[in-house]
Amino acid sequence: MIQLTPARPEFAPLSIVRALTKHWVMLLAIWLLLAAIPIVVVMKWPATYRAEALVLVDSQKIPEKYVSSSVASDLQDRLATIGQQILSTDQLKKLIDDFDLYRDEKKNHVEEEIIEHMRKDIGEIKVEKGWSRDHLGAFRIAYEGPVPTTVADVANRLASLFIIEDMKARENQAQGTSDFLKNRLNDAKKKLNDLEARVSTYKVQHNGELPQQEASLNASLQRLQLQLQGTDEAVNRAQQTKVILENALGMAESAQSTLARAISEANAPEPSEAGRPAVGAEIPQSLSGSAKVQQDLDAMRVRYGDEHPDVRRLRDELARVKVSEAKGGSAVTPVPVSAPTSAPTVRSARRSIVPELSRQLAQEREKASNVSVQLKNVNRELETRANERKRVLDAIDAFQKRLEHLPIREQEMERLTRDYQNSKEEYKSLLEKMTQAEMATEMERRQKAERFTLLDRARIPERPISPNRPLLITAGVLFSLVLGMAFVIGGELKRNCLLGEWELPKDVVTIGRVPVIDFIGYGPPARRRWRTALVSSAVISLLVVAAVGLYYVLNGR
């Protein structure tokens, strides 16, 4: 072959084909040798299986309008918190010990590396949205490992741990809320009792001066004022009665002295002529009946007034007595002393009127005694009325002072009642919240609230997720073929040989063609047929491997 330097350094497609067909044996050997390496590596590569459990976020069974849940944390936050608890070192170490995981890794790695390896094998929790955009319908927890049964058991254990930890977290949160509210309720109750005691003590200490007693105080004050007015009127009436009785007593005492003097004169011995009374002198007998009726009338008029029936009756009787006295003569009958009357006759006349005078004197004394008794009663009544008036005045003064203290008591009472009402409202609110918290805690214990439910248990995987052997083998075979082709083409480029007329410049004229010359003993027809069959088989195998690899790639296997 003639050594020429091509005018075009690039390698034409026909030149690539010519180089490959020219060194097909070398290409096939390199390809088979290099393809065996990835095939052996992929087949020896340990399989990794993945098991996945589906946990449903089951909604609350009791309507929230009847019982509200005390767990107010967001589901995603609670899920993240539970995930951190489950992926903690102690929890993962317990799982590793229970299922005897990572036996080979324990020989060459420390505990922290094994824990981190398991966290990577668990991966992230895949959350699936529910009917609402913000509502979580379910989530998936998965685990990857070399043993299918162990992988499924670990995934189910992880799902169970999520369910158990969620129940514990919700119950603890509900119980914590209930305990907190219970402590707050006890404090509020103690404060309320203290305020109630203070209010009660204040009401007892200032009873009668409280703002709510203002109406009763005014009513009592009005009643006392009316009582004072009645007492004053009674005192006035008693004073008038006293004046009348004193006048009557004075008249009775005057009449007694007159009658006593007349009796003493009548019983005296006959005086001398010079001591005798003059002719025509009169000796008073007694008070007339009209004077006594007039005295009784005056007393009744002062006590009962002019329109009283007894007053009118006495007035009529007084008129009749006066008429009788006008017709029959005065009660005090003058006894004429005649000059020519002899001494025995005068003495006899004087002695004859002594019994009448004694009788009248006894009547006057009895009348004076009765008037004295009445006067004592009136004085006693005046004293009683004076004491009663003083008591009423003191009571009025006390009630007025209470009314004056009402604004101060009202401010103090308002301050006490304001604190008491605030404490009472706080206690009532805490009591309602405490009741709701206890109902929510009971609902959590009975598992009627929102909870996690294992909807789909992790099944034993039948196909590994890695390695993807068909894809890797196909890629390795294709890569081996590419390396072989590169090796062959690189060798041709290194020799710098002309592979065909298409590599010549366009202005070079072709003079002639040299046919293929078969030398003796070289290239018999049987050998050429074997070579053709071998090339065809290699191409067909290559196409089959590429087709199988493409099929597995498209089907995700």
Protein backbone atom coordinates (compact mmCIF):
# COMPACT_ATOMS: atom_id res chain seq x y z
CA MET A 1 0.00 0.00 0.00
CA ILE A 2 1.31 3.38 -0.94
CA GLN A 3 2.05 5.70 2.02
CA LEU A 4 0.48 9.06 1.33
CA THR A 5 -0.14 12.08 3.48
CA PRO A 6 -3.80 12.93 3.21
CA ALA A 7 -4.68 16.48 2.38
CA ARG A 8 -7.58 16.41 4.88
CA PRO A 9 -6.70 15.48 8.41
CA GLU A 10 -10.28 14.74 9.41
CA PHE A 11 -11.50 11.20 9.57
CA ALA A 12 -14.40 10.58 7.21
CA PRO A 13 -17.28 8.25 8.20
CA LEU A 14 -16.28 5.86 5.39
CA SER A 15 -12.78 5.83 6.80
CA ILE A 16 -14.20 4.84 10.24
CA VAL A 17 -16.19 2.02 8.69
CA ARG A 18 -13.18 0.95 6.65
CA ALA A 19 -10.97 0.93 9.78
CA LEU A 20 -13.49 -1.09 11.79
CA THR A 21 -14.02 -3.67 9.08
CA LYS A 22 -10.35 -3.86 8.47
CA HIS A 23 -9.53 -4.67 12.16
CA TRP A 24 -12.77 -6.40 13.13
CA VAL A 25 -10.98 -9.24 14.90
CA MET A 26 -9.13 -6.84 17.16
CA LEU A 27 -12.33 -4.86 17.77
CA LEU A 28 -14.25 -8.03 18.66
CA ALA A 29 -11.54 -9.21 21.04
CA ILE A 30 -11.28 -5.89 22.80
CA TRP A 31 -15.06 -5.62 23.03
CA LEU A 32 -15.54 -9.08 24.53
CA LEU A 33 -12.71 -8.59 26.95
CA LEU A 34 -13.89 -5.22 28.18
CA ALA A 35 -17.59 -6.24 28.25
CA ALA A 36 -16.83 -9.15 30.52
CA ILE A 37 -15.62 -6.79 33.23
CA PRO A 38 -18.89 -4.79 33.78
CA ILE A 39 -20.93 -7.96 33.42
CA VAL A 40 -19.02 -9.67 36.19
CA VAL A 41 -19.04 -6.54 38.37
CA VAL A 42 -22.79 -5.99 37.95
CA MET A 43 -23.63 -9.63 38.60
CA LYS A 44 -21.49 -9.60 41.74
CA TRP A 45 -22.96 -6.30 42.91
CA PRO A 46 -25.25 -7.00 45.96
CA ALA A 47 -28.91 -6.24 45.41
CA THR A 48 -30.73 -3.58 47.43
CA TYR A 49 -34.44 -4.02 48.20
CA ARG A 50 -36.90 -1.35 49.23
CA ALA A 51 -40.07 -1.85 51.31
CA GLU A 52 -42.59 0.92 51.85
CA ALA A 53 -45.48 1.24 54.34
CA LEU A 54 -48.40 3.61 53.89
CA VAL A 55 -49.74 5.33 57.02
CA LEU A 56 -53.13 7.05 56.82
CA VAL A 57 -53.84 10.22 58.74
CA ASP A 58 -57.28 9.30 60.09
CA SER A 59 -59.46 12.27 60.97
CA GLN A 60 -61.25 12.85 64.29
CA LYS A 61 -64.27 10.59 64.85
CA ILE A 62 -66.21 13.04 67.04
CA PRO A 63 -67.38 16.33 65.46
CA GLU A 64 -65.36 19.29 66.63
CA LYS A 65 -68.48 21.26 67.55
CA TYR A 66 -69.00 18.76 70.40
CA VAL A 67 -65.39 18.08 71.43
CA SER A 68 -62.44 20.18 70.29
CA SER A 69 -59.00 18.65 70.26
CA SER A 70 -56.43 20.22 72.55
CA VAL A 71 -53.59 19.21 70.19
CA ALA A 72 -53.18 22.38 68.17
CA SER A 73 -49.77 21.69 66.61
CA ASP A 74 -49.52 21.43 62.86
CA LEU A 75 -49.50 17.88 61.50
CA GLN A 76 -46.37 18.42 59.45
CA ASP A 77 -44.53 19.84 62.46
CA ARG A 78 -45.69 16.94 64.61
CA LEU A 79 -44.66 14.51 61.89
CA ALA A 80 -41.22 16.09 61.70
CA THR A 81 -40.87 15.93 65.48
CA ILE A 82 -41.87 12.27 65.60
CA GLY A 83 -39.48 11.55 62.74
CA GLN A 84 -36.63 13.09 64.71
CA GLN A 85 -37.55 10.98 67.72
CA ILE A 86 -37.67 7.77 65.69
CA LEU A 87 -34.42 8.58 63.88
CA SER A 88 -32.65 9.27 67.13
CA THR A 89 -29.52 7.30 67.94
CA ASP A 90 -31.05 5.23 70.73
CA GLN A 91 -34.09 4.26 68.68
CA LEU A 92 -32.08 3.30 65.60
CA LYS A 93 -29.58 1.39 67.72
CA LYS A 94 -32.45 -0.60 69.19
CA LEU A 95 -33.74 -1.40 65.68
CA ILE A 96 -30.27 -2.48 64.56
CA ASP A 97 -29.93 -4.79 67.53
CA ASP A 98 -33.45 -6.21 67.16
CA PHE A 99 -33.08 -7.09 63.48
CA ASP A 100 -29.30 -7.71 63.51
CA LEU A 101 -28.69 -5.18 60.75
CA TYR A 102 -25.35 -4.18 59.18
CA ARG A 103 -23.42 -7.19 60.36
CA ASP A 104 -20.66 -6.67 57.79
CA GLU A 105 -20.48 -2.93 58.39
CA LYS A 106 -20.01 -3.48 62.13
CA LYS A 107 -16.66 -5.07 61.41
CA ASN A 108 -15.17 -2.05 59.65
CA HIS A 109 -17.25 0.96 60.78
CA VAL A 110 -17.96 2.70 64.07
CA GLU A 111 -21.42 3.01 65.57
CA GLU A 112 -21.96 6.62 64.41
CA GLU A 113 -21.27 5.68 60.81
CA ILE A 114 -23.67 2.74 60.99
CA ILE A 115 -26.41 4.98 62.47
CA GLU A 116 -25.89 7.52 59.73
CA HIS A 117 -25.97 4.74 57.14
CA MET A 118 -29.33 3.57 58.48
CA ARG A 119 -30.72 7.11 58.36
CA LYS A 120 -29.77 7.26 54.68
CA ASP A 121 -31.41 3.87 54.11
CA ILE A 122 -34.62 5.13 55.71
CA GLY A 123 -34.57 8.28 53.67
CA GLU A 124 -37.19 11.01 53.80
CA ILE A 125 -40.83 10.64 54.67
CA LYS A 126 -42.98 11.09 51.61
CA VAL A 127 -46.11 13.07 52.40
CA GLU A 128 -49.21 12.73 50.26
CA LYS A 129 -51.79 15.51 50.26
CA GLY A 130 -55.42 14.82 51.04
CA TRP A 131 -58.61 16.33 49.67
CA SER A 132 -57.50 19.77 50.81
CA ARG A 133 -54.33 21.50 49.80
CA ASP A 134 -53.18 21.93 53.39
CA HIS A 135 -54.59 18.65 54.67
CA LEU A 136 -52.30 15.63 54.87
CA GLY A 137 -53.99 12.48 53.70
CA ALA A 138 -51.19 9.96 54.28
CA PHE A 139 -47.45 9.53 54.31
CA ARG A 140 -45.06 6.77 53.32
CA ILE A 141 -42.15 5.43 55.31
CA ALA A 142 -39.61 3.19 53.54
CA TYR A 143 -36.44 1.28 54.25
CA GLU A 144 -33.76 -0.12 51.98
CA GLY A 145 -31.60 -3.14 52.67
CA PRO A 146 -30.10 -6.30 51.21
CA VAL A 147 -32.60 -8.81 52.72
CA PRO A 148 -36.23 -8.55 51.44
CA THR A 149 -37.90 -9.96 54.56
CA THR A 150 -35.83 -7.83 56.91
CA VAL A 151 -36.53 -4.73 54.84
CA ALA A 152 -40.29 -5.32 55.08
CA ASP A 153 -40.12 -5.97 58.84
CA VAL A 154 -38.08 -2.82 59.48
CA ALA A 155 -40.48 -0.69 57.40
CA ASN A 156 -43.46 -2.06 59.31
CA ARG A 157 -41.68 -1.46 62.61
CA LEU A 158 -40.96 2.13 61.61
CA ALA A 159 -44.61 2.66 60.67
CA SER A 160 -45.70 1.19 64.01
CA LEU A 161 -43.27 3.47 65.81
CA PHE A 162 -44.77 6.48 64.04
CA ILE A 163 -48.26 5.42 65.13
CA ILE A 164 -47.22 4.74 68.72
CA GLU A 165 -45.20 7.92 69.08
CA ASP A 166 -48.01 9.99 67.61
CA MET A 167 -50.48 8.52 70.09
CA LYS A 168 -48.08 9.19 72.96
CA ALA A 169 -47.33 12.71 71.77
CA ARG A 170 -51.01 13.59 71.38
CA GLU A 171 -51.96 12.05 74.72
CA ASN A 172 -49.04 13.73 76.50
CA GLN A 173 -49.89 17.07 74.96
CA ALA A 174 -53.56 16.71 75.89
CA GLN A 175 -52.67 15.56 79.41
CA GLY A 176 -50.16 18.38 79.75
CA THR A 177 -52.80 20.89 78.70
CA SER A 178 -55.25 19.39 81.18
CA ASP A 179 -52.71 19.46 84.03
CA PHE A 180 -51.75 23.04 83.27
CA LEU A 181 -55.37 24.15 83.23
CA LYS A 182 -56.01 22.21 86.44
CA ASN A 183 -53.19 24.05 88.21
CA ARG A 184 -54.41 27.35 86.86
CA LEU A 185 -57.95 26.49 87.95
CA ASN A 186 -56.79 25.69 91.49
CA ASP A 187 -54.93 28.99 91.68
CA ALA A 188 -57.95 30.86 90.33
CA LYS A 189 -60.24 29.08 92.81
CA LYS A 190 -57.97 29.98 95.70
CA LYS A 191 -57.86 33.59 94.58
CA LEU A 192 -61.64 33.63 94.13
CA ASN A 193 -62.17 32.22 97.63
CA ASP A 194 -59.88 34.87 99.10
CA LEU A 195 -61.76 37.62 97.30
CA GLU A 196 -65.10 36.16 98.37
CA ALA A 197 -63.92 36.14 101.98
CA ARG A 198 -62.75 39.74 101.67
CA VAL A 199 -66.07 40.82 100.15
CA SER A 200 -68.03 38.97 102.86
CA THR A 201 -65.91 40.48 105.62
CA TYR A 202 -66.32 43.93 104.13
CA LYS A 203 -70.10 43.52 103.90
CA VAL A 204 -70.29 42.35 107.51
CA GLN A 205 -68.08 45.21 108.75
CA HIS A 206 -69.95 47.89 106.82
CA ASN A 207 -73.44 46.49 106.96
CA GLY A 208 -75.94 49.33 106.57
CA GLU A 209 -73.48 51.46 104.57
CA LEU A 210 -73.35 49.40 101.39
CA PRO A 211 -74.34 50.96 98.07
CA GLN A 212 -77.07 48.39 97.46
CA GLN A 213 -78.67 49.43 100.77
CA GLU A 214 -79.16 53.05 99.76
CA ALA A 215 -82.87 52.59 99.05
CA SER A 216 -83.49 50.91 102.39
CA LEU A 217 -81.48 53.61 104.15
CA ASN A 218 -83.58 56.33 102.55
CA ALA A 219 -86.78 54.47 103.44
CA SER A 220 -85.62 54.02 107.03
CA LEU A 221 -84.65 57.70 107.21
CA GLN A 222 -88.07 58.74 105.93
CA ARG A 223 -89.74 56.41 108.42
CA LEU A 224 -87.69 57.90 111.26
CA GLN A 225 -88.54 61.41 110.15
CA LEU A 226 -92.23 60.51 110.16
CA GLN A 227 -91.77 58.94 113.58
CA LEU A 228 -90.03 62.10 114.79
CA GLN A 229 -92.87 64.19 113.47
CA GLY A 230 -95.40 61.99 115.28
CA THR A 231 -93.37 62.18 118.46
CA ASP A 232 -93.22 65.96 118.25
CA GLU A 233 -96.97 66.10 117.77
CA ALA A 234 -97.48 63.77 120.75
CA VAL A 235 -95.16 65.96 122.85
CA ASN A 236 -97.14 69.04 121.87
CA ARG A 237 -100.40 67.37 122.79
CA ALA A 238 -98.93 66.22 126.11
CA GLN A 239 -97.68 69.75 126.82
CA GLN A 240 -101.15 71.18 126.20
CA THR A 241 -102.69 68.48 128.37
CA LYS A 242 -100.18 69.27 131.08
CA VAL A 243 -101.09 72.96 131.00
CA ILE A 244 -104.78 72.13 131.28
CA LEU A 245 -104.18 69.68 134.10
CA GLU A 246 -102.01 72.18 135.94
CA ASN A 247 -104.75 74.80 135.64
CA ALA A 248 -107.34 72.32 136.80
CA LEU A 249 -105.13 71.29 139.72
CA GLY A 250 -104.66 74.94 140.65
CA MET A 251 -108.41 75.55 140.59
CA ALA A 252 -109.03 72.41 142.66
CA GLU A 253 -106.43 73.44 145.21
CA SER A 254 -107.93 76.96 145.35
CA ALA A 255 -111.41 75.52 145.89
CA GLN A 256 -110.04 73.25 148.62
CA SER A 257 -108.50 76.14 150.47
CA THR A 258 -111.72 78.17 150.19
CA LEU A 259 -113.87 75.28 151.44
CA ALA A 260 -111.45 74.45 154.21
CA ARG A 261 -111.47 78.08 155.34
CA ALA A 262 -115.26 78.17 155.23
CA ILE A 263 -115.53 75.00 157.32
CA SER A 264 -113.04 76.33 159.83
CA GLU A 265 -115.00 79.58 160.14
CA ALA A 266 -118.25 77.67 160.54
CA ASN A 267 -116.80 75.56 163.33
CA ALA A 268 -115.20 78.53 165.07
CA PRO A 269 -116.83 79.89 168.35
CA GLU A 270 -119.03 82.94 168.18
CA PRO A 271 -116.77 85.96 167.98
CA SER A 272 -117.36 89.28 169.58
CA GLU A 273 -119.62 91.81 168.04
CA ALA A 274 -116.74 93.56 166.48
CA GLY A 275 -115.57 90.33 165.01
CA ARG A 276 -118.89 89.35 163.51
CA PRO A 277 -119.46 89.64 159.92
CA ALA A 278 -121.39 92.52 158.63
CA VAL A 279 -124.99 92.35 157.91
CA GLY A 280 -125.63 90.90 154.54
CA ALA A 281 -122.25 89.11 154.28
CA GLU A 282 -122.34 85.96 152.26
CA ILE A 283 -120.65 82.67 153.04
CA PRO A 284 -119.62 80.83 149.87
CA GLN A 285 -121.02 77.37 149.63
CA SER A 286 -119.09 75.70 146.76
CA LEU A 287 -118.14 76.00 143.08
CA SER A 288 -121.05 75.87 140.70
CA GLY A 289 -121.61 72.78 138.48
CA SER A 290 -120.98 74.81 135.32
CA ALA A 291 -117.39 75.47 136.39
CA LYS A 292 -116.69 71.77 136.69
CA VAL A 293 -118.30 71.02 133.29
CA GLN A 294 -116.36 73.93 131.78
CA GLN A 295 -113.14 72.49 133.17
CA ASP A 296 -113.87 69.05 131.69
CA LEU A 297 -114.82 70.64 128.37
CA ASP A 298 -111.55 72.53 128.16
CA ALA A 299 -109.59 69.38 128.86
CA MET A 300 -111.50 67.38 126.23
CA ARG A 301 -111.16 70.17 123.66
CA VAL A 302 -107.42 70.31 124.07
CA ARG A 303 -107.10 66.55 123.70
CA TYR A 304 -109.62 65.78 120.97
CA GLY A 305 -110.56 69.07 119.32
CA ASP A 306 -113.85 70.89 118.88
CA GLU A 307 -115.48 68.30 116.58
CA HIS A 308 -115.16 65.30 118.85
CA PRO A 309 -118.51 63.79 119.96
CA ASP A 310 -117.60 63.97 123.67
CA VAL A 311 -116.64 67.62 123.25
CA ARG A 312 -120.01 68.38 121.64
CA ARG A 313 -121.77 66.42 124.38
CA LEU A 314 -119.99 68.38 127.14
CA ARG A 315 -120.73 71.62 125.33
CA ASP A 316 -124.47 70.77 125.33
CA GLU A 317 -124.31 69.70 128.99
CA LEU A 318 -122.58 72.97 129.90
CA ALA A 319 -125.39 74.87 128.25
CA ARG A 320 -128.01 72.91 130.21
CA VAL A 321 -126.14 73.39 133.48
CA LYS A 322 -125.91 77.09 132.92
CA VAL A 323 -129.63 77.23 132.18
CA SER A 324 -130.33 75.26 135.39
CA GLU A 325 -128.11 77.48 137.41
CA ALA A 326 -129.80 80.56 136.00
CA LYS A 327 -133.17 79.17 137.01
CA GLY A 328 -132.24 77.56 140.34
CA GLY A 329 -129.53 79.90 141.61
CA SER A 330 -125.81 79.74 141.98
CA ALA A 331 -124.08 76.76 143.46
CA VAL A 332 -122.39 79.07 145.90
CA THR A 333 -125.41 80.28 147.81
CA PRO A 334 -124.73 83.42 149.77
CA VAL A 335 -125.87 83.06 153.35
CA PRO A 336 -127.17 86.42 154.51
CA VAL A 337 -126.28 87.32 157.99
CA SER A 338 -129.07 89.43 159.43
CA ALA A 339 -128.36 91.76 162.10
CA PRO A 340 -131.34 91.07 164.20
CA THR A 341 -130.65 87.33 164.18
CA SER A 342 -129.63 86.11 167.50
CA ALA A 343 -126.36 84.36 168.22
CA PRO A 344 -127.80 80.91 168.64
CA THR A 345 -129.60 81.25 165.40
CA VAL A 346 -126.43 82.24 163.51
CA ARG A 347 -124.43 79.48 165.08
CA SER A 348 -127.14 77.04 164.16
CA ALA A 349 -127.13 78.23 160.54
CA ARG A 350 -123.34 77.94 160.27
CA ARG A 351 -123.34 74.49 161.68
CA SER A 352 -126.06 73.39 159.31
CA ILE A 353 -123.84 74.11 156.17
CA VAL A 354 -120.72 72.34 157.50
CA PRO A 355 -121.71 68.88 156.19
CA GLU A 356 -122.38 70.28 152.74
CA LEU A 357 -119.08 72.09 152.78
CA SER A 358 -117.26 68.92 153.91
CA ARG A 359 -118.88 66.94 151.13
CA GLN A 360 -117.78 69.52 148.54
CA LEU A 361 -114.29 69.61 150.06
CA ALA A 362 -114.03 65.85 149.73
CA GLN A 363 -115.10 66.09 146.10
CA GLU A 364 -112.51 68.75 145.40
CA ARG A 365 -109.82 66.73 147.07
CA GLU A 366 -110.75 63.67 145.04
CA LYS A 367 -110.76 65.78 141.90
CA ALA A 368 -107.35 67.24 142.78
CA SER A 369 -106.01 63.75 143.43
CA ASN A 370 -107.25 62.55 140.02
CA VAL A 371 -105.77 65.58 138.33
CA SER A 372 -102.46 64.96 140.10
CA VAL A 373 -102.43 61.36 138.90
CA GLN A 374 -103.20 62.50 135.36
CA LEU A 375 -100.51 65.14 135.60
CA LYS A 376 -97.96 62.52 136.69
CA ASN A 377 -98.98 60.35 133.77
CA VAL A 378 -98.61 63.27 131.41
CA ASN A 379 -95.17 64.07 132.84
CA ARG A 380 -94.17 60.43 132.49
CA GLU A 381 -95.44 60.46 128.93
CA LEU A 382 -93.48 63.64 128.23
CA GLU A 383 -90.34 62.03 129.60
CA THR A 384 -90.95 58.91 127.49
CA ARG A 385 -91.60 61.02 124.42
CA ALA A 386 -88.45 63.03 125.09
CA ASN A 387 -86.37 59.84 125.30
CA GLU A 388 -88.03 58.50 122.21
CA ARG A 389 -87.38 61.76 120.39
CA LYS A 390 -83.72 61.62 121.41
CA ARG A 391 -83.51 58.02 120.21
CA VAL A 392 -85.12 58.93 116.87
CA LEU A 393 -82.80 61.92 116.46
CA ASP A 394 -79.77 59.72 117.17
CA ALA A 395 -81.03 57.15 114.66
CA ILE A 396 -81.60 59.86 112.05
CA ASP A 397 -78.09 61.17 112.65
CA ALA A 398 -76.67 57.65 112.30
CA PHE A 399 -78.56 57.03 109.05
CA GLN A 400 -77.45 60.39 107.66
CA LYS A 401 -73.84 59.53 108.45
CA ARG A 402 -74.33 56.21 106.68
CA LEU A 403 -75.69 58.02 103.65
CA GLU A 404 -72.71 60.36 103.75
CA HIS A 405 -70.37 57.34 103.77
CA LEU A 406 -72.07 55.74 100.79
CA PRO A 407 -69.78 57.28 98.09
CA ILE A 408 -66.69 56.06 99.95
CA ARG A 409 -68.17 52.60 100.47
CA GLU A 410 -69.27 52.53 96.86
CA GLN A 411 -65.71 53.16 95.64
CA GLU A 412 -64.28 50.56 97.99
CA MET A 413 -67.01 48.09 97.11
CA GLU A 414 -66.53 48.72 93.41
CA ARG A 415 -62.84 47.97 93.69
CA LEU A 416 -63.50 44.77 95.60
CA THR A 417 -66.32 43.65 93.33
CA ARG A 418 -64.31 44.47 90.20
CA ASP A 419 -61.47 42.21 91.31
CA TYR A 420 -64.00 39.62 92.40
CA GLN A 421 -65.88 39.70 89.07
CA ASN A 422 -62.63 39.49 87.10
CA SER A 423 -61.52 36.54 89.20
CA LYS A 424 -64.94 34.96 88.82
CA GLU A 425 -64.88 35.34 85.04
CA GLU A 426 -61.35 33.94 84.93
CA TYR A 427 -62.41 30.97 87.05
CA LYS A 428 -65.46 30.36 84.86
CA SER A 429 -63.37 30.52 81.68
CA LEU A 430 -60.72 28.19 83.13
CA LEU A 431 -63.43 25.80 84.29
CA GLU A 432 -64.88 25.61 80.78
CA LYS A 433 -61.43 25.13 79.27
CA MET A 434 -60.63 22.51 81.89
CA THR A 435 -63.78 20.60 81.02
CA GLN A 436 -62.95 20.74 77.32
CA ALA A 437 -59.35 19.67 78.00
CA GLU A 438 -60.51 16.68 80.06
CA MET A 439 -62.92 15.67 77.28
CA ALA A 440 -60.12 16.05 74.72
CA THR A 441 -57.79 13.93 76.88
CA GLU A 442 -60.43 11.24 77.24
CA MET A 443 -60.99 11.36 73.49
CA GLU A 444 -57.26 10.86 72.92
CA ARG A 445 -57.21 7.91 75.31
CA ARG A 446 -60.14 6.28 73.54
CA GLN A 447 -58.42 6.94 70.18
CA LYS A 448 -61.35 8.95 68.84
CA ALA A 449 -59.20 11.89 67.84
CA GLU A 450 -56.99 12.31 64.79
CA ARG A 451 -54.53 9.43 64.61
CA PHE A 452 -52.21 7.49 62.35
CA THR A 453 -53.46 4.21 60.94
CA LEU A 454 -51.38 1.65 59.07
CA LEU A 455 -53.29 1.54 55.80
CA ASP A 456 -50.90 -0.58 53.73
CA ARG A 457 -48.29 -2.76 55.38
CA ALA A 458 -44.89 -3.07 53.81
CA ARG A 459 -44.70 -6.19 51.67
CA ILE A 460 -41.66 -8.31 50.98
CA PRO A 461 -40.14 -6.87 47.78
CA GLU A 462 -39.63 -9.29 44.90
CA ARG A 463 -37.41 -7.14 42.71
CA PRO A 464 -34.44 -5.07 43.91
CA ILE A 465 -34.34 -1.36 43.28
CA SER A 466 -30.59 -1.46 42.72
CA PRO A 467 -28.52 -2.30 40.88
CA ASN A 468 -30.39 -2.15 37.57
CA ARG A 469 -28.47 -5.03 36.08
CA PRO A 470 -29.84 -4.95 32.49
CA LEU A 471 -29.19 -1.25 32.23
CA LEU A 472 -25.73 -1.47 33.73
CA ILE A 473 -24.78 -4.50 31.59
CA THR A 474 -26.07 -2.79 28.46
CA ALA A 475 -24.19 0.38 29.33
CA GLY A 476 -21.03 -1.59 30.08
CA VAL A 477 -21.24 -3.54 26.84
CA LEU A 478 -21.86 -0.40 24.83
CA PHE A 479 -19.04 1.37 26.61
CA SER A 480 -16.74 -1.59 25.89
CA LEU A 481 -17.68 -1.41 22.21
CA VAL A 482 -16.97 2.30 22.16
CA LEU A 483 -13.58 1.71 23.77
CA GLY A 484 -12.73 -0.98 21.21
CA MET A 485 -13.76 1.24 18.32
CA ALA A 486 -11.72 4.08 19.76
CA PHE A 487 -8.72 1.79 20.10
CA VAL A 488 -8.98 0.60 16.47
CA ILE A 489 -9.55 4.10 15.07
CA GLY A 490 -6.72 5.48 17.19
CA GLY A 491 -4.39 2.82 15.78
CA GLU A 492 -5.30 3.74 12.22
CA LEU A 493 -4.78 7.39 12.96
CA LYS A 494 -1.41 6.62 14.41
CA ARG A 495 -0.32 4.70 11.28
CA ASN A 496 -1.56 7.55 9.07
CA CYS A 497 -2.62 5.22 6.24
CA LEU A 498 -4.87 6.02 3.29
CA LEU A 499 -7.99 3.91 3.71
CA GLY A 500 -9.81 4.93 0.49
CA GLU A 501 -10.07 7.25 -2.40
CA TRP A 502 -12.57 9.42 -0.49
CA GLU A 503 -9.65 10.57 1.62
CA LEU A 504 -7.90 12.08 -1.39
CA PRO A 505 -8.27 15.75 -2.23
CA LYS A 506 -10.97 16.64 -4.76
CA ASP A 507 -8.50 17.84 -7.37
CA VAL A 508 -6.60 14.51 -7.45
CA VAL A 509 -7.42 12.47 -10.54
CA THR A 510 -7.83 8.71 -10.14
CA ILE A 511 -5.82 6.93 -12.84
CA GLY A 512 -6.90 3.40 -12.04
CA ARG A 513 -7.98 0.85 -9.47
CA VAL A 514 -6.05 -2.20 -8.31
CA PRO A 515 -8.30 -5.19 -7.66
CA VAL A 516 -8.01 -7.42 -4.61
CA ILE A 517 -5.29 -10.00 -5.25
CA ASP A 518 -5.70 -13.36 -3.53
CA PHE A 519 -2.36 -14.90 -2.77
CA ILE A 520 -1.89 -18.62 -2.67
CA GLY A 521 -2.80 -20.01 0.72
CA TYR A 522 -4.33 -16.82 1.92
CA GLY A 523 -7.97 -16.18 2.40
CA PRO A 524 -9.69 -19.34 1.15
CA PRO A 525 -13.43 -19.05 0.61
CA ALA A 526 -14.28 -21.13 3.75
CA ARG A 527 -12.31 -18.78 5.94
CA ARG A 528 -13.99 -15.76 4.45
CA ARG A 529 -17.38 -17.33 5.13
CA TRP A 530 -16.43 -18.03 8.73
CA ARG A 531 -15.29 -14.46 9.15
CA THR A 532 -18.51 -13.13 7.68
CA ALA A 533 -20.60 -15.33 9.97
CA LEU A 534 -18.61 -14.25 13.00
CA VAL A 535 -19.03 -10.57 12.18
CA SER A 536 -22.74 -11.07 11.58
CA SER A 537 -23.13 -12.90 14.91
CA ALA A 538 -21.30 -10.16 16.76
CA VAL A 539 -23.45 -7.46 15.18
CA ILE A 540 -26.64 -9.42 15.92
CA SER A 541 -25.54 -9.98 19.54
CA LEU A 542 -24.78 -6.32 19.87
CA LEU A 543 -28.21 -5.40 18.58
CA VAL A 544 -29.89 -7.93 20.88
CA VAL A 545 -28.05 -6.60 23.94
CA ALA A 546 -28.89 -3.03 22.98
CA ALA A 547 -32.55 -3.94 22.46
CA VAL A 548 -32.79 -5.75 25.82
CA GLY A 549 -31.10 -2.87 27.60
CA LEU A 550 -33.41 -0.36 25.96
CA TYR A 551 -36.44 -2.45 26.93
CA TYR A 552 -35.43 -2.57 30.58
CA VAL A 553 -34.63 1.14 30.59
CA LEU A 554 -38.01 2.07 29.13
CA ASN A 555 -39.88 -0.20 31.58
CA GLY A 556 -37.99 1.10 34.59
CA ARG A 557 -36.40 -2.22 35.48
